[in-house]
Amino acid sequence: MRGVLRDVLGLSTERAAAFHEDTPLFGALPELDSLAVAGVLTEIEDRLGILIEDDEVDGEMLESFGALTRFAAAKALA
C-alpha cells in the first residue's frame, strides 16, 4: 500500500515509509484529493488483480492507512 500511495501521489519513499496503522489519509493528505482517489483505487486494482466496485468506496476505507490496507487485503483474499 505504501508503494501505491508513493507512486500515485508522488510521495517520497521516506514519507510513505512513515505511514502507520492510524495515519490519516483522505482529508489529511493534501495530495489525496477526490481525483487522486480514483488513481489510487485503479492502481490497487492493477497491482492486486482485483475489482473495486463503486458502492464499496466510502469514507471509512480512506480514513487511515490501516483502513485502506485492510480493505485491499480483504478484497485480494476474497
C-alpha atoms as a PDB file:
ATOM      1  CA  MET A   1       0.000   0.000   0.000  1.00  0.00           C
ATOM      2  CA  ARG A   2       2.896   2.324   0.710  1.00  0.00           C
ATOM      3  CA  GLY A   3       4.141   1.769  -2.836  1.00  0.00           C
ATOM      4  CA  VAL A   4       0.748   2.581  -4.318  1.00  0.00           C
ATOM      5  CA  LEU A   5       0.444   5.810  -2.356  1.00  0.00           C
ATOM      6  CA  ARG A   6       4.047   6.739  -3.077  1.00  0.00           C
ATOM      7  CA  ASP A   7       3.739   6.137  -6.806  1.00  0.00           C
ATOM      8  CA  VAL A   8       0.281   7.603  -7.410  1.00  0.00           C
ATOM      9  CA  LEU A   9       0.575  10.597  -5.096  1.00  0.00           C
ATOM     10  CA  GLY A  10       4.240  11.319  -5.747  1.00  0.00           C
ATOM     11  CA  LEU A  11       5.232  10.908  -2.104  1.00  0.00           C
ATOM     12  CA  SER A  12       8.833  10.405  -1.074  1.00  0.00           C
ATOM     13  CA  THR A  13       9.895   6.932  -0.010  1.00  0.00           C
ATOM     14  CA  GLU A  14      10.642   8.263   3.469  1.00  0.00           C
ATOM     15  CA  ARG A  15       7.236   9.863   3.832  1.00  0.00           C
ATOM     16  CA  ALA A  16       5.396   6.719   2.694  1.00  0.00           C
ATOM     17  CA  ALA A  17       7.568   4.550   4.965  1.00  0.00           C
ATOM     18  CA  ALA A  18       6.481   6.643   7.954  1.00  0.00           C
ATOM     19  CA  PHE A  19       2.802   5.711   7.497  1.00  0.00           C
ATOM     20  CA  HIS A  20       1.388   3.545  10.259  1.00  0.00           C
ATOM     21  CA  GLU A  21      -1.991   1.994  11.043  1.00  0.00           C
ATOM     22  CA  ASP A  22      -3.521   5.245  12.286  1.00  0.00           C
ATOM     23  CA  THR A  23      -2.012   7.649   9.743  1.00  0.00           C
ATOM     24  CA  PRO A  24      -4.961   9.682   8.433  1.00  0.00           C
ATOM     25  CA  LEU A  25      -5.349   9.775   4.661  1.00  0.00           C
ATOM     26  CA  PHE A  26      -8.312  11.438   2.946  1.00  0.00           C
ATOM     27  CA  GLY A  27      -8.742  14.946   4.267  1.00  0.00           C
ATOM     28  CA  ALA A  28      -5.323  14.898   5.928  1.00  0.00           C
ATOM     29  CA  LEU A  29      -3.003  14.216   2.995  1.00  0.00           C
ATOM     30  CA  PRO A  30      -3.159  17.228   0.638  1.00  0.00           C
ATOM     31  CA  GLU A  31      -2.087  15.010  -2.273  1.00  0.00           C
ATOM     32  CA  LEU A  32      -5.061  12.679  -1.780  1.00  0.00           C
ATOM     33  CA  ASP A  33      -7.914  14.712  -3.189  1.00  0.00           C
ATOM     34  CA  SER A  34     -11.038  13.325  -4.821  1.00  0.00           C
ATOM     35  CA  LEU A  35      -9.330  12.989  -8.204  1.00  0.00           C
ATOM     36  CA  ALA A  36      -6.336  11.196  -6.718  1.00  0.00           C
ATOM     37  CA  VAL A  37      -8.625   8.673  -5.008  1.00  0.00           C
ATOM     38  CA  ALA A  38      -9.581   7.272  -8.417  1.00  0.00           C
ATOM     39  CA  GLY A  39      -5.918   6.866  -9.326  1.00  0.00           C
ATOM     40  CA  VAL A  40      -5.128   5.138  -6.034  1.00  0.00           C
ATOM     41  CA  LEU A  41      -8.033   2.718  -6.404  1.00  0.00           C
ATOM     42  CA  THR A  42      -7.134   1.940 -10.026  1.00  0.00           C
ATOM     43  CA  GLU A  43      -3.528   1.257  -9.035  1.00  0.00           C
ATOM     44  CA  ILE A  44      -4.664  -1.032  -6.204  1.00  0.00           C
ATOM     45  CA  GLU A  45      -6.861  -2.927  -8.667  1.00  0.00           C
ATOM     46  CA  ASP A  46      -3.982  -3.288 -11.132  1.00  0.00           C
ATOM     47  CA  ARG A  47      -1.396  -4.368  -8.582  1.00  0.00           C
ATOM     48  CA  LEU A  48      -3.630  -6.808  -6.725  1.00  0.00           C
ATOM     49  CA  GLY A  49      -5.671  -8.061  -9.676  1.00  0.00           C
ATOM     50  CA  ILE A  50      -8.961  -7.131  -8.018  1.00  0.00           C
ATOM     51  CA  LEU A  51     -12.049  -5.144  -8.948  1.00  0.00           C
ATOM     52  CA  ILE A  52     -13.296  -2.437  -6.594  1.00  0.00           C
ATOM     53  CA  GLU A  53     -16.958  -1.651  -7.160  1.00  0.00           C
ATOM     54  CA  ASP A  54     -18.195   1.939  -6.811  1.00  0.00           C
ATOM     55  CA  ASP A  55     -20.514   1.001  -3.942  1.00  0.00           C
ATOM     56  CA  GLU A  56     -17.537  -0.362  -1.965  1.00  0.00           C
ATOM     57  CA  VAL A  57     -15.810   3.017  -1.890  1.00  0.00           C
ATOM     58  CA  ASP A  58     -16.608   5.052   1.201  1.00  0.00           C
ATOM     59  CA  GLY A  59     -15.018   7.443   3.625  1.00  0.00           C
ATOM     60  CA  GLU A  60     -14.150   4.718   6.110  1.00  0.00           C
ATOM     61  CA  MET A  61     -11.864   2.838   3.740  1.00  0.00           C
ATOM     62  CA  LEU A  62      -9.941   6.035   3.036  1.00  0.00           C
ATOM     63  CA  GLU A  63      -9.882   7.291   6.610  1.00  0.00           C
ATOM     64  CA  SER A  64      -6.497   5.841   7.550  1.00  0.00           C
ATOM     65  CA  PHE A  65      -3.588   3.895   6.142  1.00  0.00           C
ATOM     66  CA  GLY A  66      -4.661   0.868   8.169  1.00  0.00           C
ATOM     67  CA  ALA A  67      -8.249   1.027   6.909  1.00  0.00           C
ATOM     68  CA  LEU A  68      -7.116   1.184   3.287  1.00  0.00           C
ATOM     69  CA  THR A  69      -4.666  -1.661   3.803  1.00  0.00           C
ATOM     70  CA  ARG A  70      -7.325  -3.848   5.465  1.00  0.00           C
ATOM     71  CA  PHE A  71      -9.814  -3.105   2.690  1.00  0.00           C
ATOM     72  CA  ALA A  72      -7.309  -4.043  -0.045  1.00  0.00           C
ATOM     73  CA  ALA A  73      -6.215  -7.188   1.791  1.00  0.00           C
ATOM     74  CA  ALA A  74      -9.814  -8.341   2.271  1.00  0.00           C
ATOM     75  CA  LYS A  75     -10.556  -7.785  -1.429  1.00  0.00           C
ATOM     76  CA  ALA A  76      -7.404  -9.624  -2.501  1.00  0.00           C
ATOM     77  CA  LEU A  77      -8.227 -12.600  -0.291  1.00  0.00           C
ATOM     78  CA  ALA A  78     -11.888 -12.793  -1.301  1.00  0.00           C
END
